[in-house]
């Protein structure tokens, strides 16, 4: 799933900028939880989540900044 891959890339990017081992470990725990929860979803469930997010952010301007993307 592309959405899951994007989320995992974001988590890895955040972790790259962290300096405290304790916080890096917390990000590892979040990544494991994200994987365990979202890998089980069906395409239909992903579609419902996508529709909910689209409704939430519809007509909102959100600025996204990235200097580099770490894969």
PDB file of N, CA and C in Angstrom:
ATOM      1  N   UNK A   1       0.833  -1.184   0.000  1.00  0.00           N
ATOM      2  CA  UNK A   1       0.000   0.000   0.000  1.00  0.00           C
ATOM      3  C   UNK A   1       0.879   1.250   0.000  1.00  0.00           C
ATOM      4  N   UNK A   2       0.593   2.131  -0.917  1.00  0.00           N
ATOM      5  CA  UNK A   2       1.363   3.358  -1.051  1.00  0.00           C
ATOM      6  C   UNK A   2       1.245   4.230   0.201  1.00  0.00           C
ATOM      7  N   UNK A   3       0.048   4.307   0.783  1.00  0.00           N
ATOM      8  CA  UNK A   3      -0.147   5.157   1.960  1.00  0.00           C
ATOM      9  C   UNK A   3       0.711   4.669   3.116  1.00  0.00           C
ATOM     10  N   UNK A   4       0.793   3.381   3.279  1.00  0.00           N
ATOM     11  CA  UNK A   4       1.623   2.810   4.339  1.00  0.00           C
ATOM     12  C   UNK A   4       3.090   3.106   4.080  1.00  0.00           C
ATOM     13  N   UNK A   5       3.524   2.965   2.841  1.00  0.00           N
ATOM     14  CA  UNK A   5       4.918   3.245   2.495  1.00  0.00           C
ATOM     15  C   UNK A   5       5.268   4.703   2.763  1.00  0.00           C
ATOM     16  N   UNK A   6       4.371   5.611   2.423  1.00  0.00           N
ATOM     17  CA  UNK A   6       4.612   7.034   2.664  1.00  0.00           C
ATOM     18  C   UNK A   6       4.736   7.308   4.153  1.00  0.00           C
ATOM     19  N   UNK A   7       3.849   6.730   4.949  1.00  0.00           N
ATOM     20  CA  UNK A   7       3.902   6.909   6.395  1.00  0.00           C
ATOM     21  C   UNK A   7       5.211   6.385   6.964  1.00  0.00           C
ATOM     22  N   UNK A   8       5.639   5.228   6.509  1.00  0.00           N
ATOM     23  CA  UNK A   8       6.886   4.647   7.005  1.00  0.00           C
ATOM     24  C   UNK A   8       8.094   5.493   6.591  1.00  0.00           C
ATOM     25  N   UNK A   9       8.069   6.053   5.390  1.00  0.00           N
ATOM     26  CA  UNK A   9       9.150   6.952   4.965  1.00  0.00           C
ATOM     27  C   UNK A   9       9.183   8.188   5.861  1.00  0.00           C
ATOM     28  N   UNK A  10       8.020   8.723   6.191  1.00  0.00           N
ATOM     29  CA  UNK A  10       7.960   9.884   7.082  1.00  0.00           C
ATOM     30  C   UNK A  10       8.547   9.548   8.457  1.00  0.00           C
ATOM     31  N   UNK A  11       8.206   8.391   8.983  1.00  0.00           N
ATOM     32  CA  UNK A  11       8.736   7.998  10.287  1.00  0.00           C
ATOM     33  C   UNK A  11      10.258   7.843  10.237  1.00  0.00           C
ATOM     34  N   UNK A  12      10.769   7.228   9.177  1.00  0.00           N
ATOM     35  CA  UNK A  12      12.226   7.066   9.043  1.00  0.00           C
ATOM     36  C   UNK A  12      12.922   8.414   8.906  1.00  0.00           C
ATOM     37  N   UNK A  13      12.284   9.328   8.195  1.00  0.00           N
ATOM     38  CA  UNK A  13      12.857  10.671   8.025  1.00  0.00           C
ATOM     39  C   UNK A  13      12.919  11.395   9.359  1.00  0.00           C
ATOM     40  N   UNK A  14      11.855  11.321  10.134  1.00  0.00           N
ATOM     41  CA  UNK A  14      11.839  11.935  11.466  1.00  0.00           C
ATOM     42  C   UNK A  14      12.936  11.325  12.331  1.00  0.00           C
ATOM     43  N   UNK A  15      13.030  10.018  12.300  1.00  0.00           N
ATOM     44  CA  UNK A  15      14.031   9.324  13.117  1.00  0.00           C
ATOM     45  C   UNK A  15      15.449   9.761  12.748  1.00  0.00           C
ATOM     46  N   UNK A  16      15.675  10.025  11.474  1.00  0.00           N
ATOM     47  CA  UNK A  16      16.992  10.449  10.990  1.00  0.00           C
ATOM     48  C   UNK A  16      17.454  11.750  11.673  1.00  0.00           C
ATOM     49  N   UNK A  17      16.512  12.621  11.998  1.00  0.00           N
ATOM     50  CA  UNK A  17      16.842  13.914  12.596  1.00  0.00           C
ATOM     51  C   UNK A  17      16.926  13.877  14.121  1.00  0.00           C
ATOM     52  N   UNK A  18      16.538  12.773  14.718  1.00  0.00           N
ATOM     53  CA  UNK A  18      16.542  12.669  16.177  1.00  0.00           C
ATOM     54  C   UNK A  18      17.941  12.342  16.695  1.00  0.00           C
ATOM     55  N   UNK A  19      18.251  12.887  17.865  1.00  0.00           N
ATOM     56  CA  UNK A  19      19.571  12.635  18.451  1.00  0.00           C
ATOM     57  C   UNK A  19      19.504  11.766  19.695  1.00  0.00           C
ATOM     58  N   UNK A  20      18.376  11.747  20.365  1.00  0.00           N
ATOM     59  CA  UNK A  20      18.247  10.960  21.595  1.00  0.00           C
ATOM     60  C   UNK A  20      17.836   9.521  21.269  1.00  0.00           C
ATOM     61  N   UNK A  21      18.596   8.590  21.786  1.00  0.00           N
ATOM     62  CA  UNK A  21      18.333   7.172  21.545  1.00  0.00           C
ATOM     63  C   UNK A  21      16.950   6.771  22.040  1.00  0.00           C
ATOM     64  N   UNK A  22      16.556   7.318  23.166  1.00  0.00           N
ATOM     65  CA  UNK A  22      15.251   6.992  23.752  1.00  0.00           C
ATOM     66  C   UNK A  22      14.114   7.389  22.811  1.00  0.00           C
ATOM     67  N   UNK A  23      14.242   8.540  22.184  1.00  0.00           N
ATOM     68  CA  UNK A  23      13.210   9.016  21.272  1.00  0.00           C
ATOM     69  C   UNK A  23      13.242   8.205  19.968  1.00  0.00           C
ATOM     70  N   UNK A  24      14.435   7.858  19.501  1.00  0.00           N
ATOM     71  CA  UNK A  24      14.551   7.012  18.312  1.00  0.00           C
ATOM     72  C   UNK A  24      13.867   5.664  18.556  1.00  0.00           C
ATOM     73  N   UNK A  25      14.045   5.134  19.749  1.00  0.00           N
ATOM     74  CA  UNK A  25      13.398   3.864  20.109  1.00  0.00           C
ATOM     75  C   UNK A  25      11.873   4.019  20.101  1.00  0.00           C
ATOM     76  N   UNK A  26      11.376   5.157  20.559  1.00  0.00           N
ATOM     77  CA  UNK A  26       9.935   5.407  20.558  1.00  0.00           C
ATOM     78  C   UNK A  26       9.403   5.420  19.118  1.00  0.00           C
ATOM     79  N   UNK A  27      10.167   5.999  18.194  1.00  0.00           N
ATOM     80  CA  UNK A  27       9.765   6.013  16.786  1.00  0.00           C
ATOM     81  C   UNK A  27       9.758   4.587  16.229  1.00  0.00           C
ATOM     82  N   UNK A  28      10.724   3.772  16.646  1.00  0.00           N
ATOM     83  CA  UNK A  28      10.742   2.362  16.235  1.00  0.00           C
ATOM     84  C   UNK A  28       9.473   1.640  16.692  1.00  0.00           C
ATOM     85  N   UNK A  29       9.042   1.928  17.903  1.00  0.00           N
ATOM     86  CA  UNK A  29       7.823   1.317  18.446  1.00  0.00           C
ATOM     87  C   UNK A  29       6.600   1.769  17.633  1.00  0.00           C
ATOM     88  N   UNK A  30       6.549   3.050  17.313  1.00  0.00           N
ATOM     89  CA  UNK A  30       5.435   3.571  16.506  1.00  0.00           C
ATOM     90  C   UNK A  30       5.428   2.903  15.132  1.00  0.00           C
ATOM     91  N   UNK A  31       6.612   2.756  14.525  1.00  0.00           N
ATOM     92  CA  UNK A  31       6.691   2.109  13.209  1.00  0.00           C
ATOM     93  C   UNK A  31       6.163   0.676  13.276  1.00  0.00           C
ATOM     94  N   UNK A  32       6.533  -0.050  14.307  1.00  0.00           N
ATOM     95  CA  UNK A  32       6.058  -1.427  14.463  1.00  0.00           C
ATOM     96  C   UNK A  32       4.538  -1.465  14.634  1.00  0.00           C
ATOM     97  N   UNK A  33       4.003  -0.526  15.402  1.00  0.00           N
ATOM     98  CA  UNK A  33       2.550  -0.478  15.602  1.00  0.00           C
ATOM     99  C   UNK A  33       1.818  -0.119  14.317  1.00  0.00           C
ATOM    100  N   UNK A  34       2.372   0.830  13.567  1.00  0.00           N
ATOM    101  CA  UNK A  34       1.767   1.222  12.293  1.00  0.00           C
ATOM    102  C   UNK A  34       1.725   0.022  11.351  1.00  0.00           C
ATOM    103  N   UNK A  35       2.849  -0.677  11.259  1.00  0.00           N
ATOM    104  CA  UNK A  35       2.902  -1.864  10.396  1.00  0.00           C
ATOM    105  C   UNK A  35       1.870  -2.903  10.816  1.00  0.00           C
ATOM    106  N   UNK A  36       1.809  -3.207  12.104  1.00  0.00           N
ATOM    107  CA  UNK A  36       0.903  -4.262  12.567  1.00  0.00           C
ATOM    108  C   UNK A  36      -0.565  -3.889  12.355  1.00  0.00           C
ATOM    109  N   UNK A  37      -0.883  -2.615  12.469  1.00  0.00           N
ATOM    110  CA  UNK A  37      -2.268  -2.176  12.298  1.00  0.00           C
ATOM    111  C   UNK A  37      -2.651  -2.068  10.825  1.00  0.00           C
ATOM    112  N   UNK A  38      -1.846  -1.371  10.059  1.00  0.00           N
ATOM    113  CA  UNK A  38      -2.240  -1.032   8.693  1.00  0.00           C
ATOM    114  C   UNK A  38      -1.961  -2.110   7.665  1.00  0.00           C
ATOM    115  N   UNK A  39      -1.064  -3.039   7.931  1.00  0.00           N
ATOM    116  CA  UNK A  39      -0.821  -4.116   6.968  1.00  0.00           C
ATOM    117  C   UNK A  39      -2.001  -5.063   6.858  1.00  0.00           C
ATOM    118  N   UNK A  40      -2.859  -5.066   7.861  1.00  0.00           N
ATOM    119  CA  UNK A  40      -4.016  -5.964   7.880  1.00  0.00           C
ATOM    120  C   UNK A  40      -5.231  -5.391   7.153  1.00  0.00           C
ATOM    121  N   UNK A  41      -5.193  -4.119   6.787  1.00  0.00           N
ATOM    122  CA  UNK A  41      -6.368  -3.481   6.193  1.00  0.00           C
ATOM    123  C   UNK A  41      -6.611  -3.949   4.760  1.00  0.00           C
ATOM    124  N   UNK A  42      -7.863  -4.075   4.434  1.00  0.00           N
ATOM    125  CA  UNK A  42      -8.247  -4.420   3.059  1.00  0.00           C
ATOM    126  C   UNK A  42      -8.244  -3.146   2.211  1.00  0.00           C
ATOM    127  N   UNK A  43      -8.347  -3.312   0.896  1.00  0.00           N
ATOM    128  CA  UNK A  43      -8.422  -2.147   0.014  1.00  0.00           C
ATOM    129  C   UNK A  43      -9.637  -1.284   0.346  1.00  0.00           C
ATOM    130  N   UNK A  44     -10.727  -1.917   0.693  1.00  0.00           N
ATOM    131  CA  UNK A  44     -11.937  -1.179   1.062  1.00  0.00           C
ATOM    132  C   UNK A  44     -11.736  -0.325   2.304  1.00  0.00           C
ATOM    133  N   UNK A  45     -11.038  -0.874   3.278  1.00  0.00           N
ATOM    134  CA  UNK A  45     -10.763  -0.122   4.499  1.00  0.00           C
ATOM    135  C   UNK A  45      -9.835   1.064   4.210  1.00  0.00           C
ATOM    136  N   UNK A  46      -8.841   0.843   3.337  1.00  0.00           N
ATOM    137  CA  UNK A  46      -7.967   1.944   2.933  1.00  0.00           C
ATOM    138  C   UNK A  46      -8.781   3.045   2.242  1.00  0.00           C
ATOM    139  N   UNK A  47      -9.734   2.640   1.441  1.00  0.00           N
ATOM    140  CA  UNK A  47     -10.562   3.614   0.722  1.00  0.00           C
ATOM    141  C   UNK A  47     -11.383   4.454   1.694  1.00  0.00           C
ATOM    142  N   UNK A  48     -11.938   3.838   2.710  1.00  0.00           N
ATOM    143  CA  UNK A  48     -12.720   4.571   3.713  1.00  0.00           C
ATOM    144  C   UNK A  48     -11.832   5.580   4.435  1.00  0.00           C
ATOM    145  N   UNK A  49     -10.620   5.171   4.808  1.00  0.00           N
ATOM    146  CA  UNK A  49      -9.679   6.081   5.479  1.00  0.00           C
ATOM    147  C   UNK A  49      -9.341   7.246   4.555  1.00  0.00           C
ATOM    148  N   UNK A  50      -9.055   6.936   3.288  1.00  0.00           N
ATOM    149  CA  UNK A  50      -8.709   7.980   2.318  1.00  0.00           C
ATOM    150  C   UNK A  50      -9.849   8.979   2.156  1.00  0.00           C
ATOM    151  N   UNK A  51     -11.079   8.485   2.042  1.00  0.00           N
ATOM    152  CA  UNK A  51     -12.231   9.373   1.895  1.00  0.00           C
ATOM    153  C   UNK A  51     -12.403  10.262   3.125  1.00  0.00           C
ATOM    154  N   UNK A  52     -12.197   9.691   4.311  1.00  0.00           N
ATOM    155  CA  UNK A  52     -12.326  10.472   5.541  1.00  0.00           C
ATOM    156  C   UNK A  52     -11.276  11.585   5.593  1.00  0.00           C
ATOM    157  N   UNK A  53     -10.043  11.252   5.218  1.00  0.00           N
ATOM    158  CA  UNK A  53      -8.978  12.261   5.218  1.00  0.00           C
ATOM    159  C   UNK A  53      -9.236  13.337   4.166  1.00  0.00           C
ATOM    160  N   UNK A  54      -9.703  12.927   3.000  1.00  0.00           N
ATOM    161  CA  UNK A  54     -10.013  13.903   1.957  1.00  0.00           C
ATOM    162  C   UNK A  54     -11.122  14.855   2.406  1.00  0.00           C
ATOM    163  N   UNK A  55     -12.123  14.336   3.080  1.00  0.00           N
ATOM    164  CA  UNK A  55     -13.204  15.180   3.602  1.00  0.00           C
ATOM    165  C   UNK A  55     -12.678  16.144   4.663  1.00  0.00           C
ATOM    166  N   UNK A  56     -11.785  15.646   5.496  1.00  0.00           N
ATOM    167  CA  UNK A  56     -11.224  16.475   6.568  1.00  0.00           C
ATOM    168  C   UNK A  56     -10.413  17.637   5.997  1.00  0.00           C
ATOM    169  N   UNK A  57      -9.596  17.364   4.980  1.00  0.00           N
ATOM    170  CA  UNK A  57      -8.689  18.378   4.457  1.00  0.00           C
ATOM    171  C   UNK A  57      -9.232  19.132   3.238  1.00  0.00           C
ATOM    172  N   UNK A  58     -10.428  18.819   2.813  1.00  0.00           N
ATOM    173  CA  UNK A  58     -11.001  19.480   1.647  1.00  0.00           C
ATOM    174  C   UNK A  58     -11.093  20.981   1.891  1.00  0.00           C
ATOM    175  N   UNK A  59     -10.696  21.750   0.903  1.00  0.00           N
ATOM    176  CA  UNK A  59     -10.747  23.215   0.942  1.00  0.00           C
ATOM    177  C   UNK A  59      -9.811  23.830   1.984  1.00  0.00           C
ATOM    178  N   UNK A  60      -8.844  23.095   2.456  1.00  0.00           N
ATOM    179  CA  UNK A  60      -7.836  23.631   3.383  1.00  0.00           C
ATOM    180  C   UNK A  60      -6.522  23.744   2.641  1.00  0.00           C
ATOM    181  N   UNK A  61      -5.795  24.771   2.954  1.00  0.00           N
ATOM    182  CA  UNK A  61      -4.468  24.928   2.372  1.00  0.00           C
ATOM    183  C   UNK A  61      -3.453  24.461   3.398  1.00  0.00           C
ATOM    184  N   UNK A  62      -2.676  23.486   3.014  1.00  0.00           N
ATOM    185  CA  UNK A  62      -1.674  22.930   3.916  1.00  0.00           C
ATOM    186  C   UNK A  62      -0.325  23.038   3.223  1.00  0.00           C
ATOM    187  N   UNK A  63       0.591  23.722   3.884  1.00  0.00           N
ATOM    188  CA  UNK A  63       1.922  23.906   3.324  1.00  0.00           C
ATOM    189  C   UNK A  63       2.817  22.775   3.799  1.00  0.00           C
ATOM    190  N   UNK A  64       3.471  22.123   2.864  1.00  0.00           N
ATOM    191  CA  UNK A  64       4.374  21.029   3.195  1.00  0.00           C
ATOM    192  C   UNK A  64       5.764  21.420   2.723  1.00  0.00           C
ATOM    193  N   UNK A  65       6.735  21.316   3.618  1.00  0.00           N
ATOM    194  CA  UNK A  65       8.109  21.659   3.291  1.00  0.00           C
ATOM    195  C   UNK A  65       8.992  20.452   3.497  1.00  0.00           C
ATOM    196  N   UNK A  66       9.868  20.216   2.560  1.00  0.00           N
ATOM    197  CA  UNK A  66      10.871  19.184   2.763  1.00  0.00           C
ATOM    198  C   UNK A  66      12.133  19.631   2.055  1.00  0.00           C
ATOM    199  N   UNK A  67      13.242  19.488   2.748  1.00  0.00           N
ATOM    200  CA  UNK A  67      14.541  19.852   2.177  1.00  0.00           C
ATOM    201  C   UNK A  67      15.066  18.668   1.394  1.00  0.00           C
ATOM    202  N   UNK A  68      15.098  17.511   2.042  1.00  0.00           N
ATOM    203  CA  UNK A  68      15.520  16.283   1.382  1.00  0.00           C
ATOM    204  C   UNK A  68      14.646  15.163   1.877  1.00  0.00           C
ATOM    205  N   UNK A  69      14.481  14.178   1.064  1.00  0.00           N
ATOM    206  CA  UNK A  69      13.702  13.003   1.441  1.00  0.00           C
ATOM    207  C   UNK A  69      14.660  11.852   1.621  1.00  0.00           C
ATOM    208  N   UNK A  70      14.657  11.287   2.829  1.00  0.00           N
ATOM    209  CA  UNK A  70      15.544  10.171   3.137  1.00  0.00           C
ATOM    210  C   UNK A  70      14.765   8.881   3.000  1.00  0.00           C
ATOM    211  N   UNK A  71      15.230   7.983   2.178  1.00  0.00           N
ATOM    212  CA  UNK A  71      14.542   6.698   1.987  1.00  0.00           C
ATOM    213  C   UNK A  71      15.242   5.596   2.737  1.00  0.00           C
TER     214      UNK A  71
END
